[in-house]
């Protein structure tokens, strides 16, 4: 990733995103800001939105937290969607590698999944704020 986010930060972010339940919402927003800034010039908004739309389709099927086990596999299947996007558009690869541990964590609990959704929405907001491409 470029945009001032060095590889040390990326490794730290990946490690933190691997366990969403330990992350405060403040820290999640700080990471989203750094990621949104880092990818603003290399990843198009619609590439991020496409992935978020897949996560929102899962959310739409999740009427209440007790239904989480019914959608868990669909969350796990977001990982190959990320891999496909990264294979198709090389500029998405760094973002996909950063998000992969977050998707794994999102598939563990309802609360983690909801945190993941807020994280993705925050990345899009900061992507736009930092002048991201459409």
C-alpha atoms as a PDB file:
ATOM      1  CA  UNK A   1       0.000   0.000   0.000  1.00  0.00           C
ATOM      2  CA  UNK A   2       1.140   3.494  -0.632  1.00  0.00           C
ATOM      3  CA  UNK A   3      -0.012   6.852   0.717  1.00  0.00           C
ATOM      4  CA  UNK A   4       2.272   6.986   3.734  1.00  0.00           C
ATOM      5  CA  UNK A   5       1.101   3.763   5.320  1.00  0.00           C
ATOM      6  CA  UNK A   6       4.262   1.739   5.706  1.00  0.00           C
ATOM      7  CA  UNK A   7       4.544  -2.024   5.808  1.00  0.00           C
ATOM      8  CA  UNK A   8       5.007  -1.988   9.601  1.00  0.00           C
ATOM      9  CA  UNK A   9       1.593  -0.362   9.994  1.00  0.00           C
ATOM     10  CA  UNK A  10       0.039  -2.828   7.563  1.00  0.00           C
ATOM     11  CA  UNK A  11       1.414  -5.799   9.506  1.00  0.00           C
ATOM     12  CA  UNK A  12       0.147  -4.279  12.748  1.00  0.00           C
ATOM     13  CA  UNK A  13      -3.292  -3.618  11.220  1.00  0.00           C
ATOM     14  CA  UNK A  14      -3.529  -7.194   9.925  1.00  0.00           C
ATOM     15  CA  UNK A  15      -2.689  -8.527  13.382  1.00  0.00           C
ATOM     16  CA  UNK A  16      -5.257  -6.283  15.057  1.00  0.00           C
ATOM     17  CA  UNK A  17      -7.971  -7.069  12.505  1.00  0.00           C
ATOM     18  CA  UNK A  18      -7.486 -10.787  13.114  1.00  0.00           C
ATOM     19  CA  UNK A  19      -9.394 -10.405  16.398  1.00  0.00           C
ATOM     20  CA  UNK A  20     -12.138  -7.840  15.940  1.00  0.00           C
ATOM     21  CA  UNK A  21     -13.628  -8.397  19.395  1.00  0.00           C
ATOM     22  CA  UNK A  22     -10.486  -6.949  21.005  1.00  0.00           C
ATOM     23  CA  UNK A  23     -10.585  -3.785  18.884  1.00  0.00           C
ATOM     24  CA  UNK A  24     -12.323  -0.715  20.220  1.00  0.00           C
ATOM     25  CA  UNK A  25     -14.471   1.204  17.764  1.00  0.00           C
ATOM     26  CA  UNK A  26     -12.074   4.147  18.137  1.00  0.00           C
ATOM     27  CA  UNK A  27      -9.148   1.991  17.020  1.00  0.00           C
ATOM     28  CA  UNK A  28     -11.183   0.476  14.195  1.00  0.00           C
ATOM     29  CA  UNK A  29     -11.993   3.961  12.884  1.00  0.00           C
ATOM     30  CA  UNK A  30      -8.325   4.982  13.145  1.00  0.00           C
ATOM     31  CA  UNK A  31      -7.324   1.940  11.092  1.00  0.00           C
ATOM     32  CA  UNK A  32     -10.088   2.641   8.560  1.00  0.00           C
ATOM     33  CA  UNK A  33      -8.794   6.203   8.204  1.00  0.00           C
ATOM     34  CA  UNK A  34      -5.250   4.981   7.533  1.00  0.00           C
ATOM     35  CA  UNK A  35      -6.447   2.318   5.097  1.00  0.00           C
ATOM     36  CA  UNK A  36      -8.838   4.688   3.313  1.00  0.00           C
ATOM     37  CA  UNK A  37      -6.005   7.167   2.878  1.00  0.00           C
ATOM     38  CA  UNK A  38      -3.565   4.494   1.721  1.00  0.00           C
ATOM     39  CA  UNK A  39      -5.880   3.070  -0.956  1.00  0.00           C
ATOM     40  CA  UNK A  40      -7.529   6.337  -2.059  1.00  0.00           C
ATOM     41  CA  UNK A  41      -5.244   6.700  -5.076  1.00  0.00           C
ATOM     42  CA  UNK A  42      -4.946   3.062  -6.095  1.00  0.00           C
ATOM     43  CA  UNK A  43      -8.358   1.454  -5.556  1.00  0.00           C
ATOM     44  CA  UNK A  44     -11.616   2.656  -7.072  1.00  0.00           C
ATOM     45  CA  UNK A  45     -14.596   3.302  -4.808  1.00  0.00           C
ATOM     46  CA  UNK A  46     -16.761   0.807  -6.683  1.00  0.00           C
ATOM     47  CA  UNK A  47     -14.220  -1.967  -6.045  1.00  0.00           C
ATOM     48  CA  UNK A  48     -14.595  -1.432  -2.288  1.00  0.00           C
ATOM     49  CA  UNK A  49     -18.364  -0.970  -2.551  1.00  0.00           C
ATOM     50  CA  UNK A  50     -18.753  -4.214  -4.482  1.00  0.00           C
ATOM     51  CA  UNK A  51     -17.201  -6.102  -1.602  1.00  0.00           C
ATOM     52  CA  UNK A  52     -19.260  -4.191   0.977  1.00  0.00           C
ATOM     53  CA  UNK A  53     -22.410  -5.026  -1.008  1.00  0.00           C
ATOM     54  CA  UNK A  54     -21.574  -8.726  -0.640  1.00  0.00           C
ATOM     55  CA  UNK A  55     -21.250  -8.274   3.122  1.00  0.00           C
ATOM     56  CA  UNK A  56     -24.520  -6.325   3.242  1.00  0.00           C
ATOM     57  CA  UNK A  57     -26.334  -9.153   1.453  1.00  0.00           C
ATOM     58  CA  UNK A  58     -25.256 -11.381   4.320  1.00  0.00           C
ATOM     59  CA  UNK A  59     -26.404  -8.737   6.808  1.00  0.00           C
ATOM     60  CA  UNK A  60     -29.830  -8.622   5.122  1.00  0.00           C
ATOM     61  CA  UNK A  61     -30.258 -12.352   5.794  1.00  0.00           C
ATOM     62  CA  UNK A  62     -29.244 -11.875   9.399  1.00  0.00           C
ATOM     63  CA  UNK A  63     -32.514 -10.795  11.000  1.00  0.00           C
ATOM     64  CA  UNK A  64     -31.293 -11.316  14.559  1.00  0.00           C
ATOM     65  CA  UNK A  65     -28.073 -12.436  16.269  1.00  0.00           C
ATOM     66  CA  UNK A  66     -29.456 -15.943  16.840  1.00  0.00           C
ATOM     67  CA  UNK A  67     -29.397 -16.523  13.058  1.00  0.00           C
ATOM     68  CA  UNK A  68     -25.647 -16.009  12.883  1.00  0.00           C
ATOM     69  CA  UNK A  69     -24.799 -19.696  12.419  1.00  0.00           C
ATOM     70  CA  UNK A  70     -27.044 -19.755   9.327  1.00  0.00           C
ATOM     71  CA  UNK A  71     -24.970 -17.066   7.560  1.00  0.00           C
ATOM     72  CA  UNK A  72     -21.532 -17.933   8.904  1.00  0.00           C
ATOM     73  CA  UNK A  73     -20.510 -19.849   5.776  1.00  0.00           C
ATOM     74  CA  UNK A  74     -21.553 -16.939   3.579  1.00  0.00           C
ATOM     75  CA  UNK A  75     -19.215 -14.693   5.546  1.00  0.00           C
ATOM     76  CA  UNK A  76     -16.373 -17.165   5.039  1.00  0.00           C
ATOM     77  CA  UNK A  77     -17.154 -17.140   1.303  1.00  0.00           C
ATOM     78  CA  UNK A  78     -16.379 -13.421   1.203  1.00  0.00           C
ATOM     79  CA  UNK A  79     -12.705 -14.416   1.346  1.00  0.00           C
ATOM     80  CA  UNK A  80     -12.640 -15.981  -2.134  1.00  0.00           C
ATOM     81  CA  UNK A  81     -14.504 -12.915  -3.438  1.00  0.00           C
ATOM     82  CA  UNK A  82     -11.646 -10.801  -2.120  1.00  0.00           C
ATOM     83  CA  UNK A  83      -9.114 -13.139  -3.716  1.00  0.00           C
ATOM     84  CA  UNK A  84     -10.955 -12.962  -7.042  1.00  0.00           C
ATOM     85  CA  UNK A  85     -11.010  -9.153  -6.943  1.00  0.00           C
ATOM     86  CA  UNK A  86      -7.296  -9.084  -6.119  1.00  0.00           C
ATOM     87  CA  UNK A  87      -6.512 -11.494  -8.935  1.00  0.00           C
ATOM     88  CA  UNK A  88      -8.549  -9.485 -11.395  1.00  0.00           C
ATOM     89  CA  UNK A  89      -7.310  -6.049 -10.309  1.00  0.00           C
ATOM     90  CA  UNK A  90      -3.771  -6.123  -8.917  1.00  0.00           C
ATOM     91  CA  UNK A  91      -4.279  -2.733  -7.297  1.00  0.00           C
ATOM     92  CA  UNK A  92      -6.775  -4.374  -4.906  1.00  0.00           C
ATOM     93  CA  UNK A  93      -4.310  -7.033  -3.728  1.00  0.00           C
ATOM     94  CA  UNK A  94      -2.922  -5.106  -0.737  1.00  0.00           C
ATOM     95  CA  UNK A  95      -6.404  -4.207   0.452  1.00  0.00           C
ATOM     96  CA  UNK A  96      -7.570  -7.807   0.048  1.00  0.00           C
ATOM     97  CA  UNK A  97      -4.614  -9.092   2.066  1.00  0.00           C
ATOM     98  CA  UNK A  98      -5.383  -6.567   4.792  1.00  0.00           C
ATOM     99  CA  UNK A  99      -9.094  -7.473   4.912  1.00  0.00           C
ATOM    100  CA  UNK A 100      -8.672 -11.243   4.857  1.00  0.00           C
ATOM    101  CA  UNK A 101      -7.963 -11.634   8.611  1.00  0.00           C
ATOM    102  CA  UNK A 102     -10.885  -9.293   9.359  1.00  0.00           C
ATOM    103  CA  UNK A 103     -13.243 -11.506   7.322  1.00  0.00           C
ATOM    104  CA  UNK A 104     -12.000 -14.567   9.213  1.00  0.00           C
ATOM    105  CA  UNK A 105     -12.704 -12.800  12.498  1.00  0.00           C
ATOM    106  CA  UNK A 106     -16.099 -11.572  11.241  1.00  0.00           C
ATOM    107  CA  UNK A 107     -17.128 -15.188  10.640  1.00  0.00           C
ATOM    108  CA  UNK A 108     -16.630 -16.037  14.326  1.00  0.00           C
ATOM    109  CA  UNK A 109     -19.392 -14.025  16.034  1.00  0.00           C
ATOM    110  CA  UNK A 110     -22.325 -11.773  15.250  1.00  0.00           C
ATOM    111  CA  UNK A 111     -20.659  -8.852  17.036  1.00  0.00           C
ATOM    112  CA  UNK A 112     -17.461  -9.292  15.016  1.00  0.00           C
ATOM    113  CA  UNK A 113     -19.461  -9.334  11.789  1.00  0.00           C
ATOM    114  CA  UNK A 114     -21.258  -6.114  12.704  1.00  0.00           C
ATOM    115  CA  UNK A 115     -17.931  -4.514  13.602  1.00  0.00           C
ATOM    116  CA  UNK A 116     -16.548  -5.637  10.248  1.00  0.00           C
ATOM    117  CA  UNK A 117     -19.451  -3.956   8.435  1.00  0.00           C
ATOM    118  CA  UNK A 118     -18.842  -0.699  10.299  1.00  0.00           C
ATOM    119  CA  UNK A 119     -15.146  -1.004   9.433  1.00  0.00           C
ATOM    120  CA  UNK A 120     -15.893  -1.405   5.708  1.00  0.00           C
ATOM    121  CA  UNK A 121     -18.282   1.552   5.761  1.00  0.00           C
ATOM    122  CA  UNK A 122     -15.604   3.624   7.488  1.00  0.00           C
ATOM    123  CA  UNK A 123     -12.994   2.703   4.874  1.00  0.00           C
ATOM    124  CA  UNK A 124     -15.346   3.940   2.145  1.00  0.00           C
ATOM    125  CA  UNK A 125     -15.980   7.176   4.030  1.00  0.00           C
ATOM    126  CA  UNK A 126     -12.266   7.832   4.490  1.00  0.00           C
ATOM    127  CA  UNK A 127     -11.497   6.758   0.938  1.00  0.00           C
ATOM    128  CA  UNK A 128     -13.812   9.547  -0.254  1.00  0.00           C
ATOM    129  CA  UNK A 129     -12.461  12.006   2.333  1.00  0.00           C
ATOM    130  CA  UNK A 130      -8.904  11.459   1.111  1.00  0.00           C
ATOM    131  CA  UNK A 131      -9.896  12.048  -2.514  1.00  0.00           C
ATOM    132  CA  UNK A 132     -10.418   8.471  -3.619  1.00  0.00           C
ATOM    133  CA  UNK A 133     -11.275   7.638  -7.199  1.00  0.00           C
ATOM    134  CA  UNK A 134     -14.823   6.671  -8.208  1.00  0.00           C
END
